[in-house]
Amino acid sequence: MISQRAAAFAVIVAFVAGLLASLALRPPGSATDPVQRSPSTADTVQLRARWRVPSAFPTATPIIGETPVWLAQRLREATRGALVLDVYDPGELVPAFSLVDAVRDGKVEAGYTWLGYDQGKIPASVLFAATPFGMEPWEYLGWWFEGGGRELADEIYAGYGIKPLLCGIIGPETAGWFRAPVEDLDDLRGLKIRMSGIGGKVLERAGASVTTLPAGEIFQALEKGAIDATEFSQPAIDEALGFDRVARHNYFPGWHQTFTASHVVIGQPYWDGLSAADQALVEMACDAVTTQTLATGEARQGPAMQRFAAKGVEAHYLDRDILEALREYTREQMQLEADRDADFARVYASQTAYRLVYRQWKEMGYLPRDF
């Protein structure tokens, strides 16, 4: 009898040991991981921070929508669930264009956005997000990390109780999707187009009627004829939004956004509440997804353009006369913005000075585009 009981006990011990081992080896993010369950469970005692992070982009949107999800995954895995970001689509907690206000007012702990949406309240914000005829992505990264860009952003956003972290960058957008060809400047006059940032103001100088719409509203406006044309992002992203089904003329280059940088904006009290080690982890995760976003963005555009060609979309390069006129309008608009706002002037001067020094390397270090 004793030997039978001992054998049964040994079986039970082996089963429990095996179960514990399997749970220990289960990868983070599995169905039983405490991060995936309600924060009210006992397992959440390990949490050091859990933030709500509404995004300006639907998470189903390729690349720019995926980026905050990648960030949350990196932090969850790196901290074994101690730092958790709950990512929300636009409108679930906060409208797409109101993220900075929501973070500033303490309605949410953080947000993921394109800072240019704040241009009406923070004129300099757009320079951290995209500028017409501006820097290429790696040029912007040099300015952000080594040229004083990060420090300027910290200083300006500190006045709003916000810590901004660069957390994603992609290359140039398309110049837009148009129902009819654009052959000269006259074709822009009276055109109803969706565009954001300084590029929109430049097109207004060219005579266009410009409106800004969040991603989720653009297709319907284009389909119903409320707008004649739109820009939003890169080909693979625009494809997911369906623009190629309505407007068959896709124009290049993306003169209005030669780079597109996105940021995590964090309420200063929540940032200050992290330990120095956790702050470093968040910064490193943002650095990682910035690289991932740039790489993924570059990899996906060629295949998307091949799909467009197969569907009958016509890809055009803007006439040089049009580009030169738009560049002159851009110079005028940038100077006007600098005259209106001291912070804009400081950031613009910083970028201009950096580009002047960088130019020799840019022109001499790289092969010519047509080589």
Protein backbone atom coordinates (compact mmCIF):
# COMPACT_ATOMS: atom_id res chain seq x y z
CA MET A 1 0.00 0.00 0.00
CA ILE A 2 2.77 2.42 0.94
CA SER A 3 4.63 1.77 -2.29
CA GLN A 4 1.46 2.37 -4.34
CA ARG A 5 0.84 5.67 -2.56
CA ALA A 6 4.44 6.70 -3.09
CA ALA A 7 4.20 5.92 -6.78
CA ALA A 8 0.97 7.92 -7.13
CA PHE A 9 2.52 10.83 -5.25
CA ALA A 10 5.55 10.72 -7.54
CA VAL A 11 3.27 10.89 -10.60
CA ILE A 12 1.45 13.92 -9.19
CA VAL A 13 4.74 15.68 -8.39
CA ALA A 14 6.03 15.01 -11.90
CA PHE A 15 2.81 16.35 -13.44
CA VAL A 16 2.91 19.57 -11.36
CA ALA A 17 6.61 20.07 -12.12
CA GLY A 18 5.96 19.66 -15.84
CA LEU A 19 3.05 22.11 -15.71
CA LEU A 20 5.12 24.73 -13.90
CA ALA A 21 7.96 24.29 -16.38
CA SER A 22 5.63 24.75 -19.34
CA LEU A 23 4.23 27.94 -17.82
CA ALA A 24 7.71 29.25 -17.15
CA LEU A 25 8.67 28.66 -20.78
CA ARG A 26 5.48 30.15 -22.25
CA PRO A 27 6.40 33.22 -24.33
CA PRO A 28 5.16 36.67 -23.26
CA GLY A 29 1.96 37.64 -25.02
CA SER A 30 0.37 34.17 -24.85
CA ALA A 31 -3.23 33.75 -23.80
CA THR A 32 -2.35 33.16 -20.16
CA ASP A 33 0.20 35.96 -19.86
CA PRO A 34 -0.88 38.38 -17.09
CA VAL A 35 -0.32 41.34 -19.42
CA GLN A 36 -3.17 40.11 -21.61
CA ARG A 37 -5.70 39.93 -18.78
CA SER A 38 -7.56 42.55 -16.83
CA PRO A 39 -5.37 44.85 -14.69
CA SER A 40 -7.58 43.95 -11.73
CA THR A 41 -6.11 40.45 -11.39
CA ALA A 42 -3.64 39.58 -8.68
CA ASP A 43 -0.90 39.05 -11.25
CA THR A 44 -0.63 42.79 -11.90
CA VAL A 45 1.35 43.38 -8.72
CA GLN A 46 4.39 43.10 -10.98
CA LEU A 47 3.31 46.16 -12.98
CA ARG A 48 5.45 49.26 -12.66
CA ALA A 49 3.37 51.30 -15.09
CA ARG A 50 0.33 50.77 -17.27
CA TRP A 51 -0.54 53.60 -19.66
CA ARG A 52 -3.43 54.21 -22.02
CA VAL A 53 -1.96 55.24 -25.36
CA PRO A 54 -4.48 56.42 -27.96
CA SER A 55 -3.06 56.63 -31.47
CA ALA A 56 -3.72 59.17 -34.20
CA PHE A 57 -3.64 56.31 -36.73
CA PRO A 58 -5.86 53.22 -36.86
CA THR A 59 -3.80 50.25 -35.75
CA ALA A 60 -4.93 48.37 -38.86
CA THR A 61 -3.09 50.94 -41.00
CA PRO A 62 0.21 49.51 -42.27
CA ILE A 63 3.45 50.79 -40.76
CA ILE A 64 2.38 54.02 -39.01
CA GLY A 65 -0.59 52.26 -37.40
CA GLU A 66 1.50 49.26 -36.48
CA THR A 67 4.27 51.25 -34.83
CA PRO A 68 2.65 51.89 -31.41
CA VAL A 69 1.67 48.20 -31.33
CA TRP A 70 5.30 47.25 -31.98
CA LEU A 71 6.34 49.62 -29.19
CA ALA A 72 3.93 48.04 -26.73
CA GLN A 73 5.15 44.56 -27.67
CA ARG A 74 8.81 45.50 -27.27
CA LEU A 75 8.25 46.98 -23.82
CA ARG A 76 6.08 44.08 -22.65
CA GLU A 77 8.67 41.55 -23.75
CA ALA A 78 11.68 43.49 -22.44
CA THR A 79 10.13 44.01 -19.00
CA ARG A 80 8.25 40.68 -18.75
CA GLY A 81 5.01 42.62 -18.43
CA ALA A 82 6.14 45.28 -15.96
CA LEU A 83 5.63 48.19 -18.41
CA VAL A 84 2.35 47.96 -20.31
CA LEU A 85 1.00 50.24 -23.03
CA ASP A 86 -2.66 49.76 -23.93
CA VAL A 87 -2.96 51.10 -27.47
CA TYR A 88 -6.31 52.51 -28.66
CA ASP A 89 -7.55 53.43 -32.12
CA PRO A 90 -8.58 57.01 -32.96
CA GLY A 91 -11.89 57.91 -31.36
CA GLU A 92 -11.92 55.08 -28.84
CA LEU A 93 -10.66 57.39 -26.10
CA VAL A 94 -9.60 60.58 -27.87
CA PRO A 95 -10.17 62.08 -31.35
CA ALA A 96 -7.19 61.72 -33.67
CA PHE A 97 -6.32 65.41 -33.65
CA SER A 98 -6.73 65.93 -29.88
CA LEU A 99 -4.07 63.65 -28.43
CA VAL A 100 -1.69 66.31 -27.13
CA ASP A 101 -4.55 68.15 -25.44
CA ALA A 102 -5.71 64.92 -23.80
CA VAL A 103 -2.20 64.15 -22.50
CA ARG A 104 -1.68 67.72 -21.32
CA ASP A 105 -5.00 67.67 -19.46
CA GLY A 106 -4.26 64.31 -17.83
CA LYS A 107 -7.11 62.47 -19.56
CA VAL A 108 -4.65 59.82 -20.74
CA GLU A 109 -1.10 59.02 -19.72
CA ALA A 110 0.41 59.12 -23.23
CA GLY A 111 -0.43 59.21 -26.93
CA TYR A 112 1.07 58.32 -30.30
CA THR A 113 0.79 61.02 -32.94
CA TRP A 114 2.13 63.14 -35.78
CA LEU A 115 3.06 66.37 -34.03
CA GLY A 116 2.10 68.46 -37.04
CA TYR A 117 -1.54 68.06 -36.06
CA ASP A 118 -0.79 70.53 -33.25
CA GLN A 119 0.30 73.30 -35.61
CA GLY A 120 -2.68 75.49 -34.75
CA LYS A 121 -1.74 75.53 -31.06
CA ILE A 122 2.02 74.91 -31.21
CA PRO A 123 3.28 76.39 -34.51
CA ALA A 124 6.77 74.87 -34.16
CA SER A 125 5.33 71.36 -33.75
CA VAL A 126 5.10 70.77 -37.50
CA LEU A 127 8.88 71.15 -37.90
CA PHE A 128 9.39 68.10 -35.67
CA ALA A 129 6.95 66.14 -37.86
CA ALA A 130 7.60 67.08 -41.51
CA THR A 131 8.65 70.07 -43.62
CA PRO A 132 8.19 70.72 -47.35
CA PHE A 133 11.40 70.38 -49.36
CA GLY A 134 13.00 69.33 -46.10
CA MET A 135 15.36 66.71 -44.76
CA GLU A 136 15.52 63.06 -45.72
CA PRO A 137 14.84 60.59 -42.89
CA TRP A 138 18.45 59.88 -41.92
CA GLU A 139 19.22 63.61 -42.14
CA TYR A 140 16.38 64.32 -39.72
CA LEU A 141 17.64 61.61 -37.37
CA GLY A 142 21.05 63.27 -37.33
CA TRP A 143 19.47 66.61 -36.48
CA TRP A 144 17.18 65.09 -33.82
CA PHE A 145 19.90 63.18 -31.96
CA GLU A 146 23.01 65.27 -32.67
CA GLY A 147 21.87 68.63 -33.98
CA GLY A 148 19.77 69.89 -31.08
CA GLY A 149 16.36 68.77 -32.31
CA ARG A 150 15.52 66.60 -29.32
CA GLU A 151 16.49 69.36 -26.89
CA LEU A 152 14.33 71.92 -28.69
CA ALA A 153 11.34 69.56 -28.64
CA ASP A 154 11.83 68.88 -24.93
CA GLU A 155 12.01 72.60 -24.18
CA ILE A 156 8.96 73.57 -26.21
CA TYR A 157 6.74 70.72 -25.04
CA ALA A 158 7.80 71.13 -21.40
CA GLY A 159 5.59 74.22 -21.40
CA TYR A 160 2.63 71.89 -22.00
CA GLY A 161 3.65 69.34 -19.37
CA ILE A 162 4.64 66.80 -22.02
CA LYS A 163 7.70 64.66 -22.73
CA PRO A 164 7.99 63.93 -26.50
CA LEU A 165 9.94 60.90 -27.71
CA LEU A 166 10.75 60.26 -31.37
CA CYS A 167 9.18 56.88 -32.00
CA GLY A 168 8.92 56.25 -35.73
CA ILE A 169 10.03 57.72 -39.04
CA ILE A 170 9.29 56.93 -42.67
CA GLY A 171 10.54 58.25 -45.98
CA PRO A 172 8.75 60.63 -48.36
CA GLU A 173 5.06 60.40 -49.01
CA THR A 174 3.49 60.58 -52.43
CA ALA A 175 2.57 64.07 -53.65
CA GLY A 176 -1.04 62.92 -53.68
CA TRP A 177 -3.87 61.08 -55.39
CA PHE A 178 -5.76 63.03 -58.05
CA ARG A 179 -8.85 62.29 -60.09
CA ALA A 180 -7.41 64.23 -63.05
CA PRO A 181 -3.85 64.88 -64.25
CA VAL A 182 -1.89 67.84 -62.88
CA GLU A 183 0.05 69.31 -65.78
CA ASP A 184 0.68 72.87 -64.58
CA LEU A 185 -0.07 75.24 -61.71
CA ASP A 186 -3.44 76.14 -63.21
CA ASP A 187 -4.60 72.60 -62.41
CA LEU A 188 -4.07 73.30 -58.70
CA ARG A 189 -6.19 76.45 -58.62
CA GLY A 190 -9.57 75.73 -57.08
CA LEU A 191 -8.65 72.08 -56.44
CA LYS A 192 -10.23 70.67 -53.28
CA ILE A 193 -7.52 68.59 -51.60
CA ARG A 194 -6.89 66.96 -48.25
CA MET A 195 -3.45 67.91 -46.95
CA SER A 196 -1.98 68.67 -43.54
CA GLY A 197 0.96 70.66 -42.21
CA ILE A 198 2.79 73.45 -43.95
CA GLY A 199 2.33 71.68 -47.29
CA GLY A 200 -1.36 72.51 -47.08
CA LYS A 201 -0.61 76.19 -46.60
CA VAL A 202 1.77 76.07 -49.56
CA LEU A 203 -0.98 74.64 -51.77
CA GLU A 204 -3.32 77.38 -50.58
CA ARG A 205 -0.77 79.86 -51.88
CA ALA A 206 -0.99 78.01 -55.20
CA GLY A 207 -4.76 78.52 -55.20
CA ALA A 208 -5.98 75.14 -53.91
CA SER A 209 -8.74 74.70 -51.34
CA VAL A 210 -7.22 72.66 -48.53
CA THR A 211 -8.86 70.67 -45.76
CA THR A 212 -7.41 68.35 -43.09
CA LEU A 213 -9.14 65.05 -42.37
CA PRO A 214 -8.12 62.09 -40.19
CA ALA A 215 -7.23 58.86 -41.95
CA GLY A 216 -10.57 57.19 -41.39
CA GLU A 217 -12.56 59.96 -43.13
CA ILE A 218 -10.50 60.49 -46.28
CA PHE A 219 -11.75 57.67 -48.52
CA GLN A 220 -15.41 58.57 -48.09
CA ALA A 221 -14.71 62.25 -48.82
CA LEU A 222 -12.77 61.30 -51.95
CA GLU A 223 -15.34 58.77 -53.09
CA LYS A 224 -18.26 61.17 -52.68
CA GLY A 225 -16.48 64.06 -54.37
CA ALA A 226 -16.22 66.26 -51.29
CA ILE A 227 -12.53 66.51 -52.22
CA ASP A 228 -10.86 66.17 -55.62
CA ALA A 229 -7.54 64.84 -54.37
CA THR A 230 -5.74 63.75 -51.24
CA GLU A 231 -2.38 63.03 -49.77
CA PHE A 232 -1.84 60.97 -46.67
CA SER A 233 1.27 58.83 -46.66
CA GLN A 234 3.36 56.33 -48.59
CA PRO A 235 1.97 54.05 -51.34
CA ALA A 236 1.56 50.94 -49.17
CA ILE A 237 -0.29 52.95 -46.53
CA ASP A 238 -2.46 54.78 -49.06
CA GLU A 239 -3.31 51.44 -50.69
CA ALA A 240 -4.72 50.15 -47.40
CA LEU A 241 -6.94 53.23 -47.24
CA GLY A 242 -8.25 52.55 -50.73
CA PHE A 243 -7.27 55.74 -52.53
CA ASP A 244 -6.25 53.82 -55.66
CA ARG A 245 -9.86 52.66 -56.08
CA VAL A 246 -11.11 56.23 -56.50
CA ALA A 247 -8.26 58.41 -57.80
CA ARG A 248 -6.14 56.87 -60.55
CA HIS A 249 -3.39 59.48 -60.83
CA ASN A 250 -0.68 59.10 -58.19
CA TYR A 251 1.91 61.89 -58.15
CA PHE A 252 5.49 62.00 -56.91
CA PRO A 253 7.78 63.17 -55.32
CA GLY A 254 6.47 63.87 -51.82
CA TRP A 255 7.73 67.46 -51.79
CA HIS A 256 5.51 68.39 -48.83
CA GLN A 257 6.80 65.61 -46.52
CA THR A 258 10.28 64.40 -47.37
CA PHE A 259 10.23 62.61 -44.02
CA THR A 260 7.39 61.84 -41.63
CA ALA A 261 8.33 61.56 -37.96
CA SER A 262 5.91 60.32 -35.30
CA HIS A 263 6.27 60.72 -31.56
CA VAL A 264 5.04 59.32 -28.30
CA VAL A 265 3.85 62.19 -26.12
CA ILE A 266 3.92 61.37 -22.41
CA GLY A 267 2.44 63.36 -19.56
CA GLN A 268 5.38 64.75 -17.60
CA PRO A 269 4.15 63.41 -14.22
CA TYR A 270 3.97 59.89 -15.65
CA TRP A 271 7.39 60.19 -17.27
CA ASP A 272 8.89 61.53 -14.03
CA GLY A 273 7.22 58.68 -12.15
CA LEU A 274 9.34 56.12 -13.98
CA SER A 275 12.72 55.10 -12.63
CA ALA A 276 15.77 56.12 -14.65
CA ALA A 277 16.11 52.49 -15.75
CA ASP A 278 12.52 52.36 -17.00
CA GLN A 279 12.90 55.69 -18.79
CA ALA A 280 15.92 54.24 -20.57
CA LEU A 281 13.91 51.15 -21.53
CA VAL A 282 11.14 53.29 -23.06
CA GLU A 283 13.70 55.36 -24.97
CA MET A 284 15.47 52.25 -26.26
CA ALA A 285 12.16 50.70 -27.34
CA CYS A 286 11.35 53.89 -29.26
CA ASP A 287 14.77 53.82 -30.91
CA ALA A 288 14.15 50.21 -31.93
CA VAL A 289 10.73 50.83 -33.48
CA THR A 290 12.03 53.97 -35.22
CA THR A 291 14.50 51.72 -37.04
CA GLN A 292 11.80 49.10 -37.64
CA THR A 293 9.38 51.68 -39.03
CA LEU A 294 11.92 53.12 -41.46
CA ALA A 295 13.03 49.68 -42.63
CA THR A 296 9.50 48.33 -43.04
CA GLY A 297 8.35 51.48 -44.80
CA GLU A 298 11.16 51.29 -47.34
CA ALA A 299 10.64 47.57 -47.94
CA ARG A 300 6.91 47.76 -48.64
CA GLN A 301 6.73 50.63 -51.16
CA GLY A 302 8.15 48.90 -54.24
CA PRO A 303 5.69 45.98 -54.11
CA ALA A 304 2.80 48.40 -53.54
CA MET A 305 3.74 50.42 -56.61
CA GLN A 306 3.92 47.24 -58.67
CA ARG A 307 0.40 46.36 -57.54
CA PHE A 308 -0.80 49.85 -58.52
CA ALA A 309 0.62 49.46 -62.01
CA ALA A 310 -1.19 46.13 -62.39
CA LYS A 311 -4.46 47.83 -61.40
CA GLY A 312 -4.09 50.64 -63.91
CA VAL A 313 -2.97 53.40 -61.57
CA GLU A 314 -0.84 55.96 -63.39
CA ALA A 315 2.29 57.10 -61.54
CA HIS A 316 3.46 60.60 -62.49
CA TYR A 317 6.40 62.80 -61.55
CA LEU A 318 5.45 66.44 -61.04
CA ASP A 319 6.70 68.83 -63.70
CA ARG A 320 9.86 70.65 -62.63
CA ASP A 321 8.20 74.05 -63.14
CA ILE A 322 5.51 73.04 -60.66
CA LEU A 323 8.11 71.88 -58.13
CA GLU A 324 10.10 75.09 -58.45
CA ALA A 325 6.98 77.19 -57.93
CA LEU A 326 5.99 75.14 -54.88
CA ARG A 327 9.50 75.50 -53.45
CA GLU A 328 9.28 79.29 -53.77
CA TYR A 329 5.85 79.28 -52.10
CA THR A 330 7.39 77.14 -49.34
CA ARG A 331 10.17 79.66 -48.71
CA GLU A 332 7.60 82.43 -48.40
CA GLN A 333 5.40 80.41 -46.04
CA MET A 334 8.29 79.31 -43.84
CA GLN A 335 9.44 82.89 -43.43
CA LEU A 336 5.90 83.99 -42.61
CA GLU A 337 5.60 81.28 -39.93
CA ALA A 338 8.99 82.24 -38.48
CA ASP A 339 7.98 85.90 -38.30
CA ARG A 340 4.80 84.95 -36.44
CA ASP A 341 6.25 82.62 -33.80
CA ALA A 342 9.58 82.77 -31.97
CA ASP A 343 9.73 79.01 -31.29
CA PHE A 344 9.08 78.24 -34.94
CA ALA A 345 11.88 80.64 -35.87
CA ARG A 346 14.31 78.94 -33.46
CA VAL A 347 13.58 75.43 -34.70
CA TYR A 348 13.64 76.48 -38.34
CA ALA A 349 16.99 78.24 -37.82
CA SER A 350 18.38 75.12 -36.15
CA GLN A 351 17.29 72.89 -39.03
CA THR A 352 18.61 75.33 -41.64
CA ALA A 353 22.01 75.58 -39.96
CA TYR A 354 22.25 71.80 -39.64
CA ARG A 355 21.37 71.29 -43.30
CA LEU A 356 24.01 73.78 -44.45
CA VAL A 357 26.73 71.82 -42.65
CA TYR A 358 25.30 68.46 -43.75
CA ARG A 359 24.96 69.48 -47.41
CA GLN A 360 28.57 68.83 -48.42
CA TRP A 361 28.42 65.28 -47.08
CA LYS A 362 25.00 64.74 -48.67
CA GLU A 363 26.19 65.91 -52.09
CA MET A 364 29.61 64.25 -52.05
CA GLY A 365 29.03 61.08 -50.04
CA TYR A 366 26.20 59.50 -52.01
CA LEU A 367 25.92 58.32 -55.59
CA PRO A 368 23.84 60.55 -57.89
CA ARG A 369 20.19 59.51 -58.06
CA ASP A 370 20.39 58.67 -61.76
CA PHE A 371 23.63 56.64 -61.56
